Amino acid sequence: MKNLQKYIIVEIIPTTSKKETGEIIQIQALKLNNLKLIDRFDYRLSEDQILNQDLKKMISYDKSNFTYLTSSQELFKKFQEFIGNLPLLILENDYTIDYLKDLKNPKYSILKYLNLDLTDDVFAKIITKYHLTFSNHFVDLLYEALIYENNQK
């Protein structure tokens, strides 16, 4: 990874596409040193706090792998503690940019490192390009793709 030594890969799931009308219900992040995994962040808002039944179903996987918190503010505060001032590799979709805009951390498009463009089917493209197995944990797919891309150089 040129120009980045320690960084965070981030994936968020919000209730709406705009921060002003929604909240984050799940954040997954991987803290890396070059391509070595240092730590991971798997946090969700408690199910009883999520009113949208479709979103509740969407995040019904691997329940025991997550730490649950009672407010989005607490979730975001824990996330800020986890990332410190490290750069963030993000999917530069509108909602990710909007929800993370107040963070001072440098933000870079992870797709730039994978030589891909943001499309509606970007995860399918990543799975196909890197011969990966589907996972509900998109940060893990992104991490595997970075490893694969780095090994191709």
N, C-alpha and C. Protein backbone atom coordinates (compact mmCIF):
# COMPACT_ATOMS: atom_id res chain seq x y z
N MET A 1 0.85 -1.18 0.00
CA MET A 1 0.00 0.00 0.00
C MET A 1 0.89 1.24 0.00
N LYS A 2 0.98 1.84 -1.14
CA LYS A 2 1.79 3.04 -1.27
C LYS A 2 1.23 4.15 -0.41
N ASN A 3 2.10 4.85 0.26
CA ASN A 3 1.78 6.05 1.05
C ASN A 3 0.99 5.78 2.33
N LEU A 4 0.54 4.56 2.57
CA LEU A 4 -0.18 4.26 3.80
C LEU A 4 0.50 3.12 4.52
N GLN A 5 0.80 3.34 5.80
CA GLN A 5 1.37 2.24 6.57
C GLN A 5 0.31 1.71 7.53
N LYS A 6 -0.16 2.56 8.42
CA LYS A 6 -1.26 2.18 9.32
C LYS A 6 -2.52 2.89 8.84
N TYR A 7 -3.61 2.13 8.76
CA TYR A 7 -4.86 2.68 8.27
C TYR A 7 -6.02 1.79 8.70
N ILE A 8 -7.22 2.27 8.42
CA ILE A 8 -8.46 1.57 8.80
C ILE A 8 -9.31 1.36 7.55
N ILE A 9 -9.80 0.15 7.35
CA ILE A 9 -10.83 -0.12 6.33
C ILE A 9 -12.17 -0.04 7.06
N VAL A 10 -13.11 0.72 6.50
CA VAL A 10 -14.38 0.98 7.19
C VAL A 10 -15.58 0.60 6.32
N GLU A 11 -16.60 0.03 6.98
CA GLU A 11 -17.89 -0.18 6.33
C GLU A 11 -18.97 0.16 7.34
N ILE A 12 -19.90 1.02 6.94
CA ILE A 12 -20.99 1.39 7.84
C ILE A 12 -22.32 1.00 7.22
N ILE A 13 -23.29 0.78 8.10
CA ILE A 13 -24.68 0.57 7.68
C ILE A 13 -25.53 1.57 8.44
N PRO A 14 -26.11 2.53 7.70
CA PRO A 14 -26.98 3.53 8.34
C PRO A 14 -28.46 3.20 8.10
N THR A 15 -29.32 3.94 8.79
CA THR A 15 -30.76 3.75 8.61
C THR A 15 -31.29 4.50 7.39
N THR A 16 -30.64 5.60 7.03
CA THR A 16 -31.02 6.37 5.84
C THR A 16 -29.74 6.84 5.16
N SER A 17 -29.87 7.37 3.97
CA SER A 17 -28.69 7.81 3.23
C SER A 17 -28.18 9.18 3.69
N LYS A 18 -28.91 9.87 4.54
CA LYS A 18 -28.50 11.19 5.02
C LYS A 18 -28.35 11.21 6.53
N LYS A 19 -27.24 11.71 6.99
CA LYS A 19 -26.94 11.77 8.42
C LYS A 19 -28.01 12.56 9.20
N GLU A 20 -28.55 13.59 8.56
CA GLU A 20 -29.53 14.46 9.23
C GLU A 20 -30.83 13.72 9.56
N THR A 21 -31.13 12.64 8.83
CA THR A 21 -32.40 11.95 9.03
C THR A 21 -32.23 10.51 9.51
N GLY A 22 -30.99 10.10 9.74
CA GLY A 22 -30.77 8.71 10.13
C GLY A 22 -29.68 8.57 11.16
N GLU A 23 -29.29 7.32 11.36
CA GLU A 23 -28.22 7.02 12.30
C GLU A 23 -27.50 5.76 11.83
N ILE A 24 -26.30 5.59 12.32
CA ILE A 24 -25.52 4.41 11.99
C ILE A 24 -25.97 3.27 12.91
N ILE A 25 -26.25 2.10 12.31
CA ILE A 25 -26.66 0.96 13.13
C ILE A 25 -25.58 -0.13 13.19
N GLN A 26 -24.58 -0.02 12.30
CA GLN A 26 -23.50 -1.00 12.34
C GLN A 26 -22.23 -0.39 11.74
N ILE A 27 -21.12 -0.65 12.40
CA ILE A 27 -19.81 -0.28 11.86
C ILE A 27 -18.90 -1.48 12.00
N GLN A 28 -18.25 -1.81 10.89
CA GLN A 28 -17.19 -2.80 10.92
C GLN A 28 -15.95 -2.12 10.37
N ALA A 29 -14.83 -2.36 11.03
CA ALA A 29 -13.58 -1.73 10.61
C ALA A 29 -12.42 -2.64 10.95
N LEU A 30 -11.41 -2.57 10.11
CA LEU A 30 -10.18 -3.33 10.33
C LEU A 30 -9.03 -2.35 10.44
N LYS A 31 -8.24 -2.50 11.48
CA LYS A 31 -7.05 -1.67 11.66
C LYS A 31 -5.87 -2.48 11.14
N LEU A 32 -5.14 -1.87 10.19
CA LEU A 32 -4.05 -2.58 9.53
C LEU A 32 -2.74 -1.82 9.64
N ASN A 33 -1.67 -2.59 9.67
CA ASN A 33 -0.32 -2.05 9.53
C ASN A 33 0.23 -2.68 8.27
N ASN A 34 0.39 -1.86 7.22
CA ASN A 34 0.62 -2.37 5.87
C ASN A 34 -0.55 -3.29 5.55
N LEU A 35 -0.33 -4.57 5.40
CA LEU A 35 -1.45 -5.49 5.17
C LEU A 35 -1.65 -6.46 6.33
N LYS A 36 -1.03 -6.17 7.45
CA LYS A 36 -1.17 -7.04 8.63
C LYS A 36 -2.32 -6.53 9.51
N LEU A 37 -3.25 -7.43 9.81
CA LEU A 37 -4.38 -7.08 10.66
C LEU A 37 -3.91 -6.88 12.10
N ILE A 38 -4.21 -5.71 12.65
CA ILE A 38 -3.85 -5.39 14.04
C ILE A 38 -5.04 -5.58 14.96
N ASP A 39 -6.22 -5.13 14.51
CA ASP A 39 -7.41 -5.17 15.36
C ASP A 39 -8.64 -5.03 14.48
N ARG A 40 -9.78 -5.43 15.03
CA ARG A 40 -11.03 -5.26 14.28
C ARG A 40 -12.09 -4.67 15.19
N PHE A 41 -13.05 -4.01 14.56
CA PHE A 41 -14.14 -3.32 15.23
C PHE A 41 -15.44 -3.85 14.63
N ASP A 42 -16.22 -4.56 15.43
CA ASP A 42 -17.49 -5.14 14.98
C ASP A 42 -18.56 -4.72 15.99
N TYR A 43 -19.21 -3.59 15.73
CA TYR A 43 -20.19 -3.05 16.66
C TYR A 43 -21.52 -2.79 15.95
N ARG A 44 -22.59 -3.00 16.70
CA ARG A 44 -23.94 -2.74 16.21
C ARG A 44 -24.76 -2.03 17.27
N LEU A 45 -25.77 -1.37 16.78
CA LEU A 45 -26.80 -0.83 17.65
C LEU A 45 -27.66 -2.00 18.12
N SER A 46 -28.07 -2.02 19.37
CA SER A 46 -28.92 -3.08 19.90
C SER A 46 -30.19 -3.20 19.06
N GLU A 47 -30.61 -4.43 18.82
CA GLU A 47 -31.77 -4.68 17.96
C GLU A 47 -33.03 -3.95 18.42
N ASP A 48 -33.22 -3.84 19.72
CA ASP A 48 -34.42 -3.18 20.21
C ASP A 48 -34.42 -1.67 19.92
N GLN A 49 -33.28 -1.14 19.49
CA GLN A 49 -33.18 0.27 19.12
C GLN A 49 -33.43 0.51 17.63
N ILE A 50 -33.49 -0.58 16.85
CA ILE A 50 -33.68 -0.47 15.40
C ILE A 50 -35.15 -0.69 15.07
N LEU A 51 -35.81 0.35 14.59
CA LEU A 51 -37.24 0.27 14.32
C LEU A 51 -37.55 -0.33 12.95
N ASN A 52 -36.68 -0.15 11.99
CA ASN A 52 -36.91 -0.64 10.63
C ASN A 52 -36.68 -2.15 10.57
N GLN A 53 -37.77 -2.88 10.31
CA GLN A 53 -37.69 -4.35 10.31
C GLN A 53 -36.82 -4.89 9.17
N ASP A 54 -36.82 -4.21 8.04
CA ASP A 54 -35.97 -4.65 6.92
C ASP A 54 -34.49 -4.53 7.28
N LEU A 55 -34.13 -3.45 7.94
CA LEU A 55 -32.73 -3.30 8.38
C LEU A 55 -32.37 -4.33 9.44
N LYS A 56 -33.31 -4.60 10.32
CA LYS A 56 -33.08 -5.61 11.35
C LYS A 56 -32.79 -6.97 10.71
N LYS A 57 -33.55 -7.31 9.69
CA LYS A 57 -33.30 -8.57 8.97
C LYS A 57 -31.96 -8.54 8.26
N MET A 58 -31.65 -7.40 7.66
CA MET A 58 -30.41 -7.26 6.90
C MET A 58 -29.17 -7.52 7.76
N ILE A 59 -29.24 -7.15 9.03
CA ILE A 59 -28.08 -7.34 9.90
C ILE A 59 -28.30 -8.48 10.90
N SER A 60 -29.07 -9.46 10.50
CA SER A 60 -29.37 -10.56 11.42
C SER A 60 -28.32 -11.67 11.41
N TYR A 61 -27.25 -11.51 10.67
CA TYR A 61 -26.21 -12.53 10.57
C TYR A 61 -25.17 -12.39 11.69
N ASP A 62 -24.53 -13.49 12.01
CA ASP A 62 -23.39 -13.53 12.94
C ASP A 62 -23.57 -12.68 14.20
N LYS A 63 -24.71 -12.81 14.81
CA LYS A 63 -25.04 -11.96 15.96
C LYS A 63 -24.02 -12.04 17.09
N SER A 64 -23.43 -13.21 17.30
CA SER A 64 -22.49 -13.36 18.41
C SER A 64 -21.13 -12.72 18.13
N ASN A 65 -20.88 -12.29 16.90
CA ASN A 65 -19.59 -11.68 16.56
C ASN A 65 -19.54 -10.19 16.83
N PHE A 66 -20.66 -9.60 17.23
CA PHE A 66 -20.74 -8.16 17.39
C PHE A 66 -20.86 -7.75 18.86
N THR A 67 -20.40 -6.55 19.13
CA THR A 67 -20.65 -5.90 20.41
C THR A 67 -21.83 -4.97 20.18
N TYR A 68 -22.80 -5.01 21.07
CA TYR A 68 -24.03 -4.23 20.91
C TYR A 68 -24.05 -3.06 21.88
N LEU A 69 -24.46 -1.91 21.36
CA LEU A 69 -24.55 -0.69 22.16
C LEU A 69 -25.97 -0.13 22.06
N THR A 70 -26.33 0.72 23.01
CA THR A 70 -27.71 1.18 23.09
C THR A 70 -27.99 2.49 22.35
N SER A 71 -26.94 3.14 21.83
CA SER A 71 -27.19 4.37 21.07
C SER A 71 -26.16 4.51 19.95
N SER A 72 -26.59 5.18 18.89
CA SER A 72 -25.69 5.44 17.77
C SER A 72 -24.55 6.37 18.19
N GLN A 73 -24.84 7.28 19.11
CA GLN A 73 -23.81 8.19 19.60
C GLN A 73 -22.70 7.41 20.30
N GLU A 74 -23.09 6.44 21.12
CA GLU A 74 -22.11 5.60 21.80
C GLU A 74 -21.32 4.76 20.79
N LEU A 75 -21.99 4.25 19.78
CA LEU A 75 -21.35 3.47 18.73
C LEU A 75 -20.30 4.32 18.00
N PHE A 76 -20.67 5.53 17.64
CA PHE A 76 -19.75 6.40 16.92
C PHE A 76 -18.58 6.84 17.80
N LYS A 77 -18.85 7.06 19.08
CA LYS A 77 -17.77 7.44 20.01
C LYS A 77 -16.75 6.30 20.13
N LYS A 78 -17.22 5.06 20.26
CA LYS A 78 -16.32 3.91 20.33
C LYS A 78 -15.50 3.80 19.04
N PHE A 79 -16.16 4.06 17.91
CA PHE A 79 -15.48 4.01 16.63
C PHE A 79 -14.37 5.07 16.56
N GLN A 80 -14.66 6.28 17.02
CA GLN A 80 -13.65 7.34 17.02
C GLN A 80 -12.46 6.96 17.90
N GLU A 81 -12.72 6.33 19.02
CA GLU A 81 -11.63 5.88 19.89
C GLU A 81 -10.79 4.82 19.17
N PHE A 82 -11.44 3.93 18.44
CA PHE A 82 -10.76 2.85 17.72
C PHE A 82 -9.86 3.40 16.61
N ILE A 83 -10.34 4.38 15.86
CA ILE A 83 -9.58 4.86 14.70
C ILE A 83 -8.51 5.87 15.05
N GLY A 84 -8.65 6.55 16.18
CA GLY A 84 -7.66 7.59 16.50
C GLY A 84 -7.57 8.59 15.36
N ASN A 85 -6.34 8.87 14.92
CA ASN A 85 -6.16 9.81 13.81
C ASN A 85 -5.71 9.10 12.52
N LEU A 86 -5.91 7.79 12.47
CA LEU A 86 -5.46 7.02 11.31
C LEU A 86 -6.30 7.32 10.07
N PRO A 87 -5.69 7.21 8.89
CA PRO A 87 -6.45 7.38 7.65
C PRO A 87 -7.49 6.28 7.49
N LEU A 88 -8.57 6.62 6.79
CA LEU A 88 -9.67 5.68 6.56
C LEU A 88 -9.75 5.33 5.08
N LEU A 89 -9.84 4.04 4.79
CA LEU A 89 -10.14 3.58 3.43
C LEU A 89 -11.62 3.26 3.41
N ILE A 90 -12.35 3.96 2.56
CA ILE A 90 -13.81 3.85 2.55
C ILE A 90 -14.32 3.60 1.14
N LEU A 91 -15.54 3.11 1.07
CA LEU A 91 -16.28 3.13 -0.19
C LEU A 91 -16.84 4.55 -0.29
N GLU A 92 -16.52 5.24 -1.34
CA GLU A 92 -16.94 6.63 -1.43
C GLU A 92 -18.36 6.77 -1.98
N ASN A 93 -19.28 6.06 -1.34
CA ASN A 93 -20.69 6.27 -1.70
C ASN A 93 -21.21 7.47 -0.91
N ASP A 94 -22.34 7.99 -1.31
CA ASP A 94 -22.86 9.22 -0.71
C ASP A 94 -23.07 9.09 0.79
N TYR A 95 -23.65 7.98 1.23
CA TYR A 95 -23.96 7.88 2.66
C TYR A 95 -22.71 7.71 3.52
N THR A 96 -21.73 6.99 3.06
CA THR A 96 -20.50 6.85 3.85
C THR A 96 -19.82 8.20 4.00
N ILE A 97 -19.72 8.93 2.91
CA ILE A 97 -19.11 10.26 2.96
C ILE A 97 -19.89 11.16 3.91
N ASP A 98 -21.21 11.14 3.83
CA ASP A 98 -22.04 12.01 4.67
C ASP A 98 -21.89 11.68 6.16
N TYR A 99 -21.97 10.40 6.50
CA TYR A 99 -21.91 10.02 7.92
C TYR A 99 -20.53 10.21 8.53
N LEU A 100 -19.48 10.16 7.71
CA LEU A 100 -18.12 10.29 8.24
C LEU A 100 -17.51 11.67 8.01
N LYS A 101 -18.28 12.60 7.45
CA LYS A 101 -17.73 13.89 7.05
C LYS A 101 -17.16 14.71 8.21
N ASP A 102 -17.67 14.53 9.41
CA ASP A 102 -17.18 15.32 10.54
C ASP A 102 -15.88 14.79 11.13
N LEU A 103 -15.48 13.61 10.74
CA LEU A 103 -14.21 13.06 11.22
C LEU A 103 -13.05 13.78 10.54
N LYS A 104 -12.03 14.13 11.29
CA LYS A 104 -10.86 14.84 10.75
C LYS A 104 -9.90 13.89 10.03
N ASN A 105 -10.07 12.60 10.20
CA ASN A 105 -9.17 11.61 9.59
C ASN A 105 -9.14 11.77 8.08
N PRO A 106 -7.96 11.61 7.47
CA PRO A 106 -7.92 11.58 6.01
C PRO A 106 -8.74 10.39 5.51
N LYS A 107 -9.45 10.59 4.40
CA LYS A 107 -10.30 9.53 3.84
C LYS A 107 -9.90 9.30 2.39
N TYR A 108 -9.73 8.03 2.04
CA TYR A 108 -9.34 7.65 0.68
C TYR A 108 -10.28 6.57 0.18
N SER A 109 -10.49 6.58 -1.11
CA SER A 109 -11.33 5.55 -1.71
C SER A 109 -10.55 4.24 -1.78
N ILE A 110 -11.09 3.20 -1.17
CA ILE A 110 -10.44 1.89 -1.23
C ILE A 110 -10.46 1.35 -2.66
N LEU A 111 -11.43 1.77 -3.44
CA LEU A 111 -11.54 1.28 -4.81
C LEU A 111 -10.37 1.74 -5.68
N LYS A 112 -9.77 2.85 -5.31
CA LYS A 112 -8.59 3.33 -6.03
C LYS A 112 -7.47 2.29 -5.94
N TYR A 113 -7.34 1.64 -4.80
CA TYR A 113 -6.30 0.64 -4.59
C TYR A 113 -6.65 -0.69 -5.26
N LEU A 114 -7.91 -0.85 -5.64
CA LEU A 114 -8.36 -2.08 -6.28
C LEU A 114 -8.60 -1.88 -7.78
N ASN A 115 -8.33 -0.68 -8.27
CA ASN A 115 -8.53 -0.35 -9.68
C ASN A 115 -9.96 -0.64 -10.13
N LEU A 116 -10.91 -0.21 -9.30
CA LEU A 116 -12.33 -0.38 -9.60
C LEU A 116 -13.06 0.95 -9.42
N ASP A 117 -14.21 1.07 -10.07
CA ASP A 117 -15.07 2.23 -9.89
C ASP A 117 -16.24 1.85 -9.00
N LEU A 118 -16.82 2.84 -8.35
CA LEU A 118 -17.99 2.60 -7.52
C LEU A 118 -19.20 2.39 -8.43
N THR A 119 -19.81 1.22 -8.32
CA THR A 119 -21.02 0.88 -9.05
C THR A 119 -21.96 0.18 -8.08
N ASP A 120 -23.20 0.01 -8.49
CA ASP A 120 -24.17 -0.67 -7.62
C ASP A 120 -23.77 -2.12 -7.34
N ASP A 121 -23.03 -2.72 -8.24
CA ASP A 121 -22.63 -4.12 -8.07
C ASP A 121 -21.14 -4.27 -7.74
N VAL A 122 -20.59 -3.28 -7.04
CA VAL A 122 -19.14 -3.29 -6.78
C VAL A 122 -18.70 -4.52 -5.98
N PHE A 123 -19.51 -4.99 -5.04
CA PHE A 123 -19.09 -6.16 -4.27
C PHE A 123 -19.08 -7.42 -5.12
N ALA A 124 -20.04 -7.54 -6.02
CA ALA A 124 -20.03 -8.67 -6.95
C ALA A 124 -18.79 -8.61 -7.84
N LYS A 125 -18.43 -7.41 -8.26
CA LYS A 125 -17.22 -7.25 -9.08
C LYS A 125 -15.96 -7.63 -8.30
N ILE A 126 -15.91 -7.25 -7.03
CA ILE A 126 -14.76 -7.59 -6.19
C ILE A 126 -14.66 -9.11 -6.02
N ILE A 127 -15.80 -9.73 -5.74
CA ILE A 127 -15.82 -11.19 -5.56
C ILE A 127 -15.34 -11.89 -6.83
N THR A 128 -15.82 -11.42 -7.96
CA THR A 128 -15.43 -12.03 -9.24
C THR A 128 -13.97 -11.76 -9.57
N LYS A 129 -13.55 -10.51 -9.45
CA LYS A 129 -12.18 -10.13 -9.82
C LYS A 129 -11.14 -10.88 -9.01
N TYR A 130 -11.41 -11.06 -7.72
CA TYR A 130 -10.42 -11.66 -6.82
C TYR A 130 -10.74 -13.11 -6.45
N HIS A 131 -11.77 -13.68 -7.08
CA HIS A 131 -12.15 -15.09 -6.85
C HIS A 131 -12.42 -15.35 -5.36
N LEU A 132 -13.21 -14.47 -4.75
CA LEU A 132 -13.51 -14.57 -3.33
C LEU A 132 -14.85 -15.27 -3.12
N THR A 133 -15.05 -15.76 -1.93
CA THR A 133 -16.32 -16.34 -1.53
C THR A 133 -17.14 -15.24 -0.86
N PHE A 134 -18.44 -15.20 -1.15
CA PHE A 134 -19.29 -14.18 -0.56
C PHE A 134 -19.18 -14.18 0.95
N SER A 135 -19.23 -12.99 1.52
CA SER A 135 -19.24 -12.82 2.97
C SER A 135 -20.16 -11.66 3.31
N ASN A 136 -20.86 -11.76 4.43
CA ASN A 136 -21.65 -10.63 4.93
C ASN A 136 -20.77 -9.53 5.49
N HIS A 137 -19.52 -9.83 5.72
CA HIS A 137 -18.58 -8.88 6.30
C HIS A 137 -17.78 -8.25 5.17
N PHE A 138 -18.28 -7.15 4.65
CA PHE A 138 -17.67 -6.52 3.48
C PHE A 138 -16.25 -6.04 3.75
N VAL A 139 -15.96 -5.65 5.00
CA VAL A 139 -14.59 -5.22 5.30
C VAL A 139 -13.62 -6.37 5.08
N ASP A 140 -14.04 -7.59 5.35
CA ASP A 140 -13.17 -8.75 5.13
C ASP A 140 -12.93 -8.97 3.64
N LEU A 141 -13.96 -8.79 2.82
CA LEU A 141 -13.79 -8.91 1.38
C LEU A 141 -12.83 -7.84 0.86
N LEU A 142 -12.99 -6.63 1.35
CA LEU A 142 -12.10 -5.55 0.93
C LEU A 142 -10.66 -5.82 1.34
N TYR A 143 -10.49 -6.34 2.53
CA TYR A 143 -9.16 -6.70 3.03
C TYR A 143 -8.52 -7.78 2.15
N GLU A 144 -9.28 -8.83 1.86
CA GLU A 144 -8.77 -9.91 1.00
C GLU A 144 -8.42 -9.38 -0.39
N ALA A 145 -9.24 -8.48 -0.91
CA ALA A 145 -8.96 -7.91 -2.22
C ALA A 145 -7.67 -7.08 -2.20
N LEU A 146 -7.46 -6.31 -1.12
CA LEU A 146 -6.21 -5.55 -0.99
C LEU A 146 -5.00 -6.47 -0.96
N ILE A 147 -5.10 -7.56 -0.22
CA ILE A 147 -4.00 -8.52 -0.15
C ILE A 147 -3.72 -9.08 -1.54
N TYR A 148 -4.77 -9.50 -2.22
CA TYR A 148 -4.62 -10.07 -3.55
C TYR A 148 -3.99 -9.06 -4.51
N GLU A 149 -4.50 -7.82 -4.47
CA GLU A 149 -4.00 -6.77 -5.36
C GLU A 149 -2.52 -6.49 -5.07
N ASN A 150 -2.15 -6.46 -3.81
CA ASN A 150 -0.77 -6.20 -3.42
C ASN A 150 0.16 -7.33 -3.89
N ASN A 151 -0.33 -8.57 -3.83
CA ASN A 151 0.49 -9.71 -4.25
C ASN A 151 0.68 -9.79 -5.76
N GLN A 152 -0.18 -9.07 -6.50
CA GLN A 152 -0.06 -9.06 -7.95
C GLN A 152 1.04 -8.12 -8.45
N LYS A 153 1.54 -7.28 -7.55
CA LYS A 153 2.56 -6.28 -7.94
C LYS A 153 3.95 -6.83 -7.83
